[in-house]
């Protein structure tokens, strides 16, 4: 949970750390696995106002979209290798 708190604090959204934990997002791996739609839903369920949601979603995409794209490429390469 400390990593999640740190990420949110770095985004200027540390006040939502307890809400993320209440929603079950107490692990960075869970946040990394979010789709853009899931991230928006999480923002809504944690009570973020529109500005906070925009900040989270924009920074989420910058931080995690690249790593998700690389993971998907690795999965595709592994599937092709196994075929």
C-alpha atoms as a PDB file:
ATOM      1  CA  UNK A   1       0.000   0.000   0.000  1.00  0.00           C
ATOM      2  CA  UNK A   2       2.931   2.333   0.597  1.00  0.00           C
ATOM      3  CA  UNK A   3       3.742   2.355  -3.133  1.00  0.00           C
ATOM      4  CA  UNK A   4       0.154   3.248  -3.978  1.00  0.00           C
ATOM      5  CA  UNK A   5       0.219   6.063  -1.417  1.00  0.00           C
ATOM      6  CA  UNK A   6       3.480   7.331  -2.886  1.00  0.00           C
ATOM      7  CA  UNK A   7       2.170   7.264  -6.456  1.00  0.00           C
ATOM      8  CA  UNK A   8      -0.968   9.142  -5.466  1.00  0.00           C
ATOM      9  CA  UNK A   9       1.034  11.644  -3.411  1.00  0.00           C
ATOM     10  CA  UNK A  10       3.344  12.260  -6.379  1.00  0.00           C
ATOM     11  CA  UNK A  11       0.262  12.957  -8.493  1.00  0.00           C
ATOM     12  CA  UNK A  12      -0.961  15.424  -5.868  1.00  0.00           C
ATOM     13  CA  UNK A  13      -3.808  13.043  -4.994  1.00  0.00           C
ATOM     14  CA  UNK A  14      -2.590  11.586  -1.706  1.00  0.00           C
ATOM     15  CA  UNK A  15      -5.929  12.344  -0.071  1.00  0.00           C
ATOM     16  CA  UNK A  16      -7.434   9.451  -2.056  1.00  0.00           C
ATOM     17  CA  UNK A  17      -5.066   6.739  -0.748  1.00  0.00           C
ATOM     18  CA  UNK A  18      -7.544   5.423   1.823  1.00  0.00           C
ATOM     19  CA  UNK A  19     -10.318   5.363  -0.790  1.00  0.00           C
ATOM     20  CA  UNK A  20      -8.118   3.356  -3.163  1.00  0.00           C
ATOM     21  CA  UNK A  21      -7.407   0.906  -0.362  1.00  0.00           C
ATOM     22  CA  UNK A  22     -11.125   0.663   0.471  1.00  0.00           C
ATOM     23  CA  UNK A  23     -11.790  -0.223  -3.166  1.00  0.00           C
ATOM     24  CA  UNK A  24      -9.153  -2.979  -2.967  1.00  0.00           C
ATOM     25  CA  UNK A  25      -6.388  -1.151  -4.844  1.00  0.00           C
ATOM     26  CA  UNK A  26      -3.669  -1.571  -2.258  1.00  0.00           C
ATOM     27  CA  UNK A  27      -1.071  -2.935  -4.663  1.00  0.00           C
ATOM     28  CA  UNK A  28       0.687  -1.216  -7.560  1.00  0.00           C
ATOM     29  CA  UNK A  29       0.233  -4.309  -9.745  1.00  0.00           C
ATOM     30  CA  UNK A  30      -3.533  -3.860  -9.512  1.00  0.00           C
ATOM     31  CA  UNK A  31      -3.268  -0.260 -10.624  1.00  0.00           C
ATOM     32  CA  UNK A  32      -0.892  -1.162 -13.451  1.00  0.00           C
ATOM     33  CA  UNK A  33      -3.453  -3.668 -14.740  1.00  0.00           C
ATOM     34  CA  UNK A  34      -6.260  -1.096 -15.029  1.00  0.00           C
ATOM     35  CA  UNK A  35      -7.642  -0.267 -18.434  1.00  0.00           C
ATOM     36  CA  UNK A  36      -8.407   3.385 -19.139  1.00  0.00           C
ATOM     37  CA  UNK A  37     -12.085   2.643 -18.530  1.00  0.00           C
ATOM     38  CA  UNK A  38     -11.286   0.910 -15.221  1.00  0.00           C
ATOM     39  CA  UNK A  39      -9.196   3.904 -14.147  1.00  0.00           C
ATOM     40  CA  UNK A  40     -12.106   6.242 -14.821  1.00  0.00           C
ATOM     41  CA  UNK A  41     -14.498   3.991 -12.900  1.00  0.00           C
ATOM     42  CA  UNK A  42     -12.057   3.834  -9.985  1.00  0.00           C
ATOM     43  CA  UNK A  43     -11.909   7.615  -9.907  1.00  0.00           C
ATOM     44  CA  UNK A  44     -15.698   7.767  -9.770  1.00  0.00           C
ATOM     45  CA  UNK A  45     -15.960   5.143  -7.037  1.00  0.00           C
ATOM     46  CA  UNK A  46     -13.372   6.904  -4.875  1.00  0.00           C
ATOM     47  CA  UNK A  47     -15.274  10.170  -5.069  1.00  0.00           C
ATOM     48  CA  UNK A  48     -12.781  12.143  -7.140  1.00  0.00           C
ATOM     49  CA  UNK A  49     -14.011  15.428  -8.505  1.00  0.00           C
ATOM     50  CA  UNK A  50     -13.640  16.061 -12.225  1.00  0.00           C
ATOM     51  CA  UNK A  51     -10.300  17.873 -11.880  1.00  0.00           C
ATOM     52  CA  UNK A  52      -8.832  15.116  -9.709  1.00  0.00           C
ATOM     53  CA  UNK A  53     -10.099  12.494 -12.156  1.00  0.00           C
ATOM     54  CA  UNK A  54      -8.508  14.332 -15.072  1.00  0.00           C
ATOM     55  CA  UNK A  55      -5.204  14.543 -13.198  1.00  0.00           C
ATOM     56  CA  UNK A  56      -5.244  10.860 -12.267  1.00  0.00           C
ATOM     57  CA  UNK A  57      -6.263   9.612 -15.714  1.00  0.00           C
ATOM     58  CA  UNK A  58      -3.744  11.798 -17.544  1.00  0.00           C
ATOM     59  CA  UNK A  59      -0.870  10.807 -15.260  1.00  0.00           C
ATOM     60  CA  UNK A  60      -2.004   7.172 -15.207  1.00  0.00           C
ATOM     61  CA  UNK A  61      -1.826   7.031 -18.989  1.00  0.00           C
ATOM     62  CA  UNK A  62       1.640   8.586 -19.005  1.00  0.00           C
ATOM     63  CA  UNK A  63       2.995   6.313 -16.297  1.00  0.00           C
ATOM     64  CA  UNK A  64       1.319   2.981 -17.013  1.00  0.00           C
ATOM     65  CA  UNK A  65       0.234   2.921 -20.662  1.00  0.00           C
ATOM     66  CA  UNK A  66       3.769   2.379 -21.925  1.00  0.00           C
ATOM     67  CA  UNK A  67       4.411  -0.454 -19.481  1.00  0.00           C
ATOM     68  CA  UNK A  68       1.074  -2.064 -20.412  1.00  0.00           C
ATOM     69  CA  UNK A  69       1.916  -1.773 -24.106  1.00  0.00           C
ATOM     70  CA  UNK A  70       5.267  -3.481 -23.515  1.00  0.00           C
ATOM     71  CA  UNK A  71       3.614  -6.257 -21.518  1.00  0.00           C
ATOM     72  CA  UNK A  72       1.093  -6.828 -24.310  1.00  0.00           C
ATOM     73  CA  UNK A  73       3.904  -6.978 -26.875  1.00  0.00           C
ATOM     74  CA  UNK A  74       5.727  -9.545 -24.759  1.00  0.00           C
ATOM     75  CA  UNK A  75       2.565 -11.648 -24.437  1.00  0.00           C
ATOM     76  CA  UNK A  76       1.999 -11.546 -28.183  1.00  0.00           C
ATOM     77  CA  UNK A  77       5.608 -12.533 -28.880  1.00  0.00           C
ATOM     78  CA  UNK A  78       5.341 -15.419 -26.402  1.00  0.00           C
ATOM     79  CA  UNK A  79       2.103 -16.658 -28.025  1.00  0.00           C
ATOM     80  CA  UNK A  80       3.699 -16.533 -31.467  1.00  0.00           C
ATOM     81  CA  UNK A  81       6.749 -18.372 -30.159  1.00  0.00           C
ATOM     82  CA  UNK A  82       4.611 -21.109 -28.610  1.00  0.00           C
ATOM     83  CA  UNK A  83       2.569 -21.657 -31.770  1.00  0.00           C
END
